[in-house]
N, C-alpha and C. Protein backbone atom coordinates (compact mmCIF):
# COMPACT_ATOMS: atom_id res chain seq x y z
N MET A 1 0.85 -1.17 0.00
CA MET A 1 0.00 0.00 0.00
C MET A 1 0.89 1.24 0.00
N PRO A 2 0.69 2.15 -0.94
CA PRO A 2 1.52 3.36 -0.98
C PRO A 2 1.23 4.28 0.21
N ALA A 3 2.21 5.05 0.56
CA ALA A 3 2.04 6.00 1.67
C ALA A 3 0.97 7.04 1.33
N THR A 4 0.18 7.40 2.33
CA THR A 4 -0.86 8.41 2.15
C THR A 4 -0.28 9.78 2.47
N ARG A 5 -0.56 10.73 1.60
CA ARG A 5 -0.10 12.09 1.86
C ARG A 5 -1.05 12.76 2.84
N LYS A 6 -0.55 13.77 3.53
CA LYS A 6 -1.35 14.44 4.55
C LYS A 6 -2.63 15.06 4.00
N ASN A 7 -2.64 15.46 2.74
CA ASN A 7 -3.81 16.15 2.20
C ASN A 7 -4.70 15.25 1.35
N GLU A 8 -4.49 13.93 1.38
CA GLU A 8 -5.33 13.00 0.64
C GLU A 8 -6.47 12.51 1.52
N SER A 9 -7.64 12.29 0.91
CA SER A 9 -8.75 11.75 1.69
C SER A 9 -8.47 10.29 2.01
N VAL A 10 -8.97 9.85 3.16
CA VAL A 10 -8.74 8.48 3.63
C VAL A 10 -10.03 7.88 4.15
N LYS A 11 -10.05 6.55 4.17
CA LYS A 11 -11.16 5.81 4.74
C LYS A 11 -10.56 4.73 5.63
N VAL A 12 -11.05 4.63 6.86
CA VAL A 12 -10.54 3.66 7.83
C VAL A 12 -11.68 2.71 8.18
N PHE A 13 -11.44 1.40 8.05
CA PHE A 13 -12.42 0.39 8.41
C PHE A 13 -12.03 -0.22 9.75
N VAL A 14 -13.00 -0.32 10.66
CA VAL A 14 -12.73 -0.84 12.01
C VAL A 14 -13.76 -1.90 12.36
N SER A 15 -13.28 -3.03 12.88
CA SER A 15 -14.14 -4.08 13.41
C SER A 15 -13.87 -4.20 14.90
N ILE A 16 -14.93 -4.23 15.69
CA ILE A 16 -14.81 -4.32 17.15
C ILE A 16 -15.43 -5.64 17.61
N SER A 17 -14.66 -6.45 18.30
CA SER A 17 -15.18 -7.68 18.88
C SER A 17 -15.63 -7.37 20.30
N ALA A 18 -16.91 -7.05 20.44
CA ALA A 18 -17.46 -6.67 21.74
C ALA A 18 -18.99 -6.77 21.66
N ASP A 19 -19.62 -6.55 22.77
CA ASP A 19 -21.08 -6.55 22.82
C ASP A 19 -21.61 -5.52 21.82
N PRO A 20 -22.46 -5.93 20.88
CA PRO A 20 -22.96 -5.01 19.87
C PRO A 20 -23.77 -3.84 20.44
N ARG A 21 -24.21 -3.95 21.69
CA ARG A 21 -24.94 -2.82 22.31
C ARG A 21 -24.05 -1.59 22.43
N LEU A 22 -22.74 -1.78 22.44
CA LEU A 22 -21.82 -0.63 22.49
C LEU A 22 -21.97 0.26 21.26
N ALA A 23 -22.40 -0.30 20.16
CA ALA A 23 -22.55 0.47 18.92
C ALA A 23 -23.55 1.61 19.10
N ALA A 24 -24.47 1.48 20.04
CA ALA A 24 -25.46 2.54 20.28
C ALA A 24 -24.78 3.84 20.69
N ALA A 25 -23.61 3.75 21.30
CA ALA A 25 -22.89 4.95 21.73
C ALA A 25 -22.35 5.74 20.55
N LEU A 26 -22.36 5.14 19.38
CA LEU A 26 -21.76 5.79 18.21
C LEU A 26 -22.79 6.33 17.23
N GLN A 27 -24.06 6.29 17.58
CA GLN A 27 -25.11 6.69 16.64
C GLN A 27 -24.93 8.08 16.08
N THR A 28 -24.40 9.00 16.84
CA THR A 28 -24.22 10.37 16.34
C THR A 28 -22.87 10.58 15.67
N GLU A 29 -21.99 9.58 15.72
CA GLU A 29 -20.64 9.72 15.17
C GLU A 29 -20.47 9.02 13.82
N VAL A 30 -20.87 7.74 13.76
CA VAL A 30 -20.68 6.93 12.56
C VAL A 30 -21.83 5.95 12.40
N GLU A 31 -21.98 5.42 11.20
CA GLU A 31 -22.95 4.36 10.97
C GLU A 31 -22.27 3.04 11.29
N THR A 32 -22.93 2.21 12.09
CA THR A 32 -22.34 0.93 12.49
C THR A 32 -23.11 -0.21 11.84
N TYR A 33 -22.42 -1.35 11.71
CA TYR A 33 -23.00 -2.55 11.13
C TYR A 33 -22.69 -3.70 12.07
N GLU A 34 -23.72 -4.47 12.44
CA GLU A 34 -23.51 -5.60 13.32
C GLU A 34 -22.89 -6.75 12.54
N ILE A 35 -21.91 -7.41 13.14
CA ILE A 35 -21.27 -8.59 12.58
C ILE A 35 -21.33 -9.68 13.65
N PRO A 36 -21.10 -10.94 13.30
CA PRO A 36 -21.23 -12.03 14.28
C PRO A 36 -20.44 -11.83 15.58
N SER A 37 -19.27 -11.22 15.50
CA SER A 37 -18.44 -11.08 16.71
C SER A 37 -18.56 -9.71 17.38
N GLY A 38 -19.42 -8.83 16.86
CA GLY A 38 -19.55 -7.49 17.44
C GLY A 38 -20.14 -6.51 16.46
N PHE A 39 -19.35 -5.52 16.04
CA PHE A 39 -19.83 -4.54 15.07
C PHE A 39 -18.66 -3.90 14.34
N GLN A 40 -18.96 -3.21 13.27
CA GLN A 40 -17.92 -2.53 12.51
C GLN A 40 -18.43 -1.18 12.05
N PHE A 41 -17.48 -0.32 11.68
CA PHE A 41 -17.82 1.00 11.17
C PHE A 41 -16.67 1.49 10.31
N GLU A 42 -16.91 2.56 9.58
CA GLU A 42 -15.84 3.18 8.81
C GLU A 42 -15.80 4.67 9.08
N ILE A 43 -14.61 5.20 8.99
CA ILE A 43 -14.37 6.63 9.21
C ILE A 43 -13.85 7.20 7.89
N HIS A 44 -14.44 8.30 7.46
CA HIS A 44 -13.97 8.99 6.27
C HIS A 44 -13.37 10.32 6.71
N GLY A 45 -12.24 10.68 6.14
CA GLY A 45 -11.61 11.95 6.47
C GLY A 45 -11.07 12.63 5.23
N ASP A 46 -11.09 13.95 5.23
CA ASP A 46 -10.53 14.71 4.12
C ASP A 46 -9.01 14.65 4.10
N SER A 47 -8.43 14.26 5.23
CA SER A 47 -6.98 14.10 5.34
C SER A 47 -6.71 13.06 6.43
N ILE A 48 -5.48 12.61 6.52
CA ILE A 48 -5.13 11.65 7.56
C ILE A 48 -5.33 12.27 8.95
N SER A 49 -5.06 13.55 9.08
CA SER A 49 -5.26 14.23 10.37
C SER A 49 -6.73 14.28 10.74
N ASP A 50 -7.59 14.55 9.76
CA ASP A 50 -9.03 14.58 9.99
C ASP A 50 -9.54 13.19 10.41
N ALA A 51 -9.09 12.16 9.71
CA ALA A 51 -9.50 10.79 10.05
C ALA A 51 -9.04 10.42 11.46
N ARG A 52 -7.83 10.81 11.81
CA ARG A 52 -7.31 10.52 13.15
C ARG A 52 -8.14 11.20 14.22
N ALA A 53 -8.50 12.45 13.99
CA ALA A 53 -9.32 13.18 14.96
C ALA A 53 -10.70 12.53 15.11
N ARG A 54 -11.29 12.13 14.00
CA ARG A 54 -12.60 11.45 14.06
C ARG A 54 -12.48 10.12 14.79
N MET A 55 -11.40 9.38 14.52
CA MET A 55 -11.20 8.10 15.18
C MET A 55 -11.04 8.29 16.69
N ASN A 56 -10.30 9.31 17.10
CA ASN A 56 -10.15 9.59 18.53
C ASN A 56 -11.50 9.87 19.19
N THR A 57 -12.36 10.63 18.51
CA THR A 57 -13.69 10.93 19.05
C THR A 57 -14.50 9.65 19.21
N VAL A 58 -14.48 8.80 18.21
CA VAL A 58 -15.22 7.54 18.26
C VAL A 58 -14.69 6.64 19.37
N LEU A 59 -13.39 6.52 19.48
CA LEU A 59 -12.82 5.66 20.52
C LEU A 59 -13.12 6.18 21.92
N ARG A 60 -13.10 7.49 22.10
CA ARG A 60 -13.47 8.06 23.41
C ARG A 60 -14.92 7.72 23.75
N SER A 61 -15.79 7.79 22.76
CA SER A 61 -17.20 7.45 22.98
C SER A 61 -17.35 5.98 23.38
N LEU A 62 -16.62 5.11 22.71
CA LEU A 62 -16.67 3.68 23.04
C LEU A 62 -16.15 3.40 24.44
N ILE A 63 -15.06 4.04 24.81
CA ILE A 63 -14.50 3.85 26.15
C ILE A 63 -15.50 4.31 27.21
N ALA A 64 -16.10 5.47 27.00
CA ALA A 64 -17.08 5.98 27.97
C ALA A 64 -18.28 5.05 28.07
N ALA A 65 -18.77 4.56 26.94
CA ALA A 65 -19.93 3.66 26.95
C ALA A 65 -19.59 2.35 27.65
N HIS A 66 -18.39 1.83 27.40
CA HIS A 66 -17.98 0.58 28.04
C HIS A 66 -17.88 0.76 29.56
N ARG A 67 -17.26 1.85 29.99
CA ARG A 67 -17.12 2.10 31.43
C ARG A 67 -18.49 2.30 32.09
N THR A 68 -19.38 2.96 31.41
CA THR A 68 -20.74 3.14 31.93
C THR A 68 -21.42 1.79 32.06
N GLY A 69 -21.29 0.95 31.04
CA GLY A 69 -21.86 -0.40 31.09
C GLY A 69 -21.32 -1.21 32.24
N GLN A 70 -20.02 -1.08 32.49
CA GLN A 70 -19.42 -1.79 33.63
C GLN A 70 -20.00 -1.27 34.94
N ALA A 71 -20.15 0.03 35.06
CA ALA A 71 -20.63 0.64 36.31
C ALA A 71 -22.05 0.20 36.65
N ILE A 72 -22.87 0.00 35.63
CA ILE A 72 -24.26 -0.40 35.90
C ILE A 72 -24.48 -1.90 35.78
N GLY A 73 -23.41 -2.64 35.53
CA GLY A 73 -23.50 -4.10 35.46
C GLY A 73 -24.09 -4.65 34.18
N ALA A 74 -23.97 -3.90 33.09
CA ALA A 74 -24.55 -4.35 31.83
C ALA A 74 -23.74 -5.44 31.15
N TRP A 75 -22.45 -5.50 31.41
CA TRP A 75 -21.58 -6.46 30.73
C TRP A 75 -21.27 -7.65 31.64
N VAL A 76 -22.28 -8.38 32.01
CA VAL A 76 -22.10 -9.53 32.91
C VAL A 76 -21.77 -10.76 32.11
């Protein structure tokens, strides 16, 4: 795969092996798709920096949702 330049648009595909209920935390960020082992989504960015920033936002949302689920006993 050739190196991506900073000003090229990018697309990042992510698969998460976890409880698919976590995908609900991402409804306002990305469109998710349920798969047998969890869920997946894609991030589109106008540049690698934009994609990285969007990915950080999504990952923070997932971490917060997971910790909330743990606190209320949802992930038993």
